[in-house]
Amino acid sequence: MRKWIYSLIAICMALLIAIVAYHRFRVQTKGVFFALFPIFRWVSVEQPILFNHIHHKEVAKLNCTFCHRFVERHRVAGIPNIDLCRACHSSDAISKRPEALKVVEYVKAGKRIPWQRMYELPPHVVFPHWIHIQSSVDCSTCHGITGTKERPVKMVDRNYMEWCVNCHEKRGASTECYACHSS
């Protein structure tokens, strides 16, 4: 019994140290932190509807750009307009799952789904999605497991400078400050 309690205390202490280290050293140690504690690599994001990316990707055979239409031309990927959802979710017949029925309700009411933005970069960071798409960078490179989940998740081990610079170096992309930062 004592071994179990000591083990539990040791695990709690290790987690506490990891959390403190993460908050204390932030950017410089994120890579090490997430390698040691991969459970913290992603967080679930509360959304009005549990959007099932894997269903849309594998069953409906839609690619990311079908819904995120602006990704090939703009800085942000954009959140789909309800008119796009209407194409498949205009009636209860196709949408039998509870979460899909929520989409039908929004479509019938003609209301925009109040999606919560998943990724927000600082204003001084320039991230044109279209350049990354044209360079054949797969969405999962930055968005990780999002396309393989039944519920929305946000990758928190990505989207920080050290991670981006490492990716740029691997791909031979510019690492000059002006390439990603506005003045």
Protein backbone atom coordinates (compact mmCIF):
# COMPACT_ATOMS: atom_id res chain seq x y z
CA MET A 1 0.00 0.00 0.00
CA ARG A 2 2.81 2.41 0.89
CA LYS A 3 4.59 1.79 -2.44
CA TRP A 4 1.44 2.79 -4.29
CA ILE A 5 1.11 6.01 -2.28
CA TYR A 6 4.79 6.87 -2.77
CA SER A 7 4.46 6.22 -6.50
CA LEU A 8 1.43 8.48 -6.70
CA ILE A 9 3.24 11.23 -4.80
CA ALA A 10 6.26 10.89 -7.12
CA ILE A 11 4.04 11.16 -10.21
CA CYS A 12 2.28 14.23 -8.81
CA MET A 13 5.61 15.85 -7.99
CA ALA A 14 6.95 15.13 -11.48
CA LEU A 15 3.84 16.66 -13.05
CA LEU A 16 4.06 19.69 -10.79
CA ILE A 17 7.73 20.19 -11.69
CA ALA A 18 6.90 19.80 -15.38
CA ILE A 19 4.09 22.35 -15.22
CA VAL A 20 6.27 24.84 -13.33
CA ALA A 21 9.12 24.29 -15.81
CA TYR A 22 6.77 24.81 -18.72
CA HIS A 23 5.46 28.11 -17.38
CA ARG A 24 8.88 29.24 -16.16
CA PHE A 25 10.84 28.67 -19.33
CA ARG A 26 8.07 28.83 -21.96
CA VAL A 27 9.44 29.09 -25.49
CA GLN A 28 12.97 27.79 -25.00
CA THR A 29 11.90 24.56 -23.33
CA LYS A 30 8.63 23.78 -25.09
CA GLY A 31 10.19 21.16 -27.37
CA VAL A 32 11.79 19.33 -24.44
CA PHE A 33 8.68 19.69 -22.30
CA PHE A 34 6.36 18.19 -24.93
CA ALA A 35 8.83 15.39 -25.66
CA LEU A 36 8.86 14.45 -21.97
CA PHE A 37 5.12 14.97 -21.40
CA PRO A 38 3.31 14.30 -24.69
CA ILE A 39 -0.10 14.29 -22.99
CA PHE A 40 0.12 18.10 -22.86
CA ARG A 41 0.67 18.37 -26.65
CA TRP A 42 -2.97 19.05 -27.41
CA VAL A 43 -6.03 20.40 -25.67
CA SER A 44 -9.69 19.93 -26.39
CA VAL A 45 -11.43 23.12 -27.47
CA GLU A 46 -15.02 23.77 -26.44
CA GLN A 47 -17.09 24.30 -29.57
CA PRO A 48 -20.85 24.67 -30.08
CA ILE A 49 -20.74 21.45 -32.10
CA LEU A 50 -18.24 18.62 -31.74
CA PHE A 51 -17.08 18.80 -35.34
CA ASN A 52 -15.94 15.37 -36.47
CA HIS A 53 -12.95 16.06 -38.73
CA ILE A 54 -12.23 12.37 -39.29
CA HIS A 55 -15.79 11.70 -40.53
CA HIS A 56 -15.62 14.55 -43.02
CA LYS A 57 -12.13 13.55 -44.14
CA GLU A 58 -12.46 9.77 -44.37
CA VAL A 59 -16.18 9.06 -44.83
CA ALA A 60 -17.28 12.13 -46.80
CA LYS A 61 -13.86 12.22 -48.56
CA LEU A 62 -13.47 15.98 -48.14
CA ASN A 63 -10.06 17.59 -47.94
CA CYS A 64 -9.23 20.49 -45.61
CA THR A 65 -9.61 23.09 -48.36
CA PHE A 66 -13.22 22.10 -49.03
CA CYS A 67 -14.32 23.73 -45.78
CA HIS A 68 -11.39 26.07 -45.20
CA ARG A 69 -11.76 27.76 -48.57
CA PHE A 70 -9.60 30.82 -47.88
CA VAL A 71 -6.50 28.81 -47.00
CA GLU A 72 -5.18 28.90 -50.57
CA ARG A 73 -5.56 32.67 -51.02
CA HIS A 74 -5.44 34.40 -47.63
CA ARG A 75 -3.49 34.70 -44.42
CA VAL A 76 -6.07 32.76 -42.40
CA ALA A 77 -7.84 29.54 -43.32
CA GLY A 78 -11.23 30.86 -42.28
CA ILE A 79 -14.21 29.20 -40.71
CA PRO A 80 -16.80 27.75 -43.10
CA ASN A 81 -19.96 29.69 -43.77
CA ILE A 82 -23.25 27.99 -42.88
CA ASP A 83 -24.09 27.89 -46.61
CA LEU A 84 -21.30 25.36 -47.08
CA CYS A 85 -22.77 23.14 -44.34
CA ARG A 86 -26.22 23.47 -45.96
CA ALA A 87 -25.01 21.48 -48.97
CA CYS A 88 -25.06 18.26 -46.92
CA HIS A 89 -26.92 19.14 -43.72
CA SER A 90 -30.15 20.69 -44.96
CA SER A 91 -32.35 17.88 -43.66
CA ASP A 92 -32.50 15.40 -40.83
CA ALA A 93 -32.32 12.52 -43.33
CA ILE A 94 -28.56 12.77 -43.92
CA SER A 95 -27.74 14.02 -40.44
CA LYS A 96 -28.66 11.28 -37.99
CA ARG A 97 -25.94 11.87 -35.40
CA PRO A 98 -26.79 14.25 -32.53
CA GLU A 99 -23.97 16.67 -33.36
CA ALA A 100 -24.93 16.70 -37.05
CA LEU A 101 -28.53 17.45 -36.06
CA LYS A 102 -27.23 20.57 -34.30
CA VAL A 103 -25.82 21.67 -37.66
CA VAL A 104 -29.25 21.12 -39.25
CA GLU A 105 -30.81 23.40 -36.61
CA TYR A 106 -28.33 26.19 -37.44
CA VAL A 107 -28.97 25.67 -41.17
CA LYS A 108 -32.76 25.77 -40.75
CA ALA A 109 -32.51 28.92 -38.63
CA GLY A 110 -30.07 30.49 -41.09
CA LYS A 111 -27.73 31.23 -38.19
CA ARG A 112 -23.96 31.26 -38.28
CA ILE A 113 -22.38 28.57 -36.08
CA PRO A 114 -20.42 30.41 -33.36
CA TRP A 115 -17.18 28.46 -33.79
CA GLN A 116 -14.35 29.36 -31.44
CA ARG A 117 -11.10 30.21 -33.16
CA MET A 118 -8.56 27.47 -32.49
CA TYR A 119 -5.31 29.18 -33.41
CA GLU A 120 -4.38 32.82 -32.93
CA LEU A 121 -0.92 34.08 -33.74
CA PRO A 122 0.41 37.34 -32.30
CA PRO A 123 -0.22 40.41 -34.50
CA HIS A 124 3.49 40.76 -35.34
CA VAL A 125 3.61 37.26 -36.86
CA VAL A 126 2.86 36.91 -40.55
CA PHE A 127 1.67 33.43 -41.50
CA PRO A 128 0.26 33.28 -45.02
CA HIS A 129 -1.37 29.87 -45.26
CA TRP A 130 -1.29 30.04 -49.05
CA ILE A 131 2.52 30.05 -49.21
CA HIS A 132 2.63 26.92 -47.08
CA ILE A 133 -0.05 25.24 -49.22
CA GLN A 134 1.81 26.12 -52.44
CA SER A 135 4.99 24.72 -50.87
CA SER A 136 3.18 21.40 -50.30
CA VAL A 137 3.28 21.66 -46.51
CA ASP A 138 0.59 19.28 -45.30
CA CYS A 139 -1.98 20.76 -42.90
CA SER A 140 -1.01 18.19 -40.26
CA THR A 141 2.50 19.66 -40.13
CA CYS A 142 1.15 22.59 -38.11
CA HIS A 143 -2.26 21.32 -37.04
CA GLY A 144 -1.14 17.84 -36.04
CA ILE A 145 -3.85 15.35 -35.17
CA THR A 146 -6.79 17.68 -35.80
CA GLY A 147 -7.80 15.86 -38.99
CA THR A 148 -7.77 12.49 -37.25
CA LYS A 149 -10.07 13.31 -34.34
CA GLU A 150 -13.77 13.09 -33.70
CA ARG A 151 -13.68 16.23 -31.58
CA PRO A 152 -11.87 19.53 -32.07
CA VAL A 153 -8.37 19.59 -30.60
CA LYS A 154 -5.71 22.27 -30.63
CA MET A 155 -2.05 21.37 -30.91
CA VAL A 156 -0.16 23.39 -28.31
CA ASP A 157 3.27 21.96 -29.02
CA ARG A 158 3.36 23.82 -32.33
CA ASN A 159 2.92 27.43 -33.35
CA TYR A 160 5.78 28.94 -31.42
CA MET A 161 8.92 30.43 -32.89
CA GLU A 162 11.42 27.66 -32.14
CA TRP A 163 9.13 25.08 -33.74
CA CYS A 164 8.60 27.21 -36.86
CA VAL A 165 12.32 27.98 -37.25
CA ASN A 166 13.18 24.27 -37.00
CA CYS A 167 10.64 23.49 -39.72
CA HIS A 168 11.97 26.30 -41.94
CA GLU A 169 15.54 25.02 -41.51
CA LYS A 170 14.53 21.44 -42.40
CA ARG A 171 12.73 22.62 -45.55
CA GLY A 172 15.30 25.22 -46.61
CA ALA A 173 12.79 28.07 -46.16
CA SER A 174 13.88 31.53 -45.11
CA THR A 175 14.76 32.05 -41.46
CA GLU A 176 15.24 35.80 -41.86
CA CYS A 177 13.16 37.81 -39.37
CA TYR A 178 11.29 39.70 -42.09
CA ALA A 179 9.98 36.43 -43.58
CA CYS A 180 7.60 35.89 -40.67
CA HIS A 181 7.53 39.15 -38.71
CA SER A 182 5.99 42.44 -39.68
CA SER A 183 7.63 45.65 -38.59
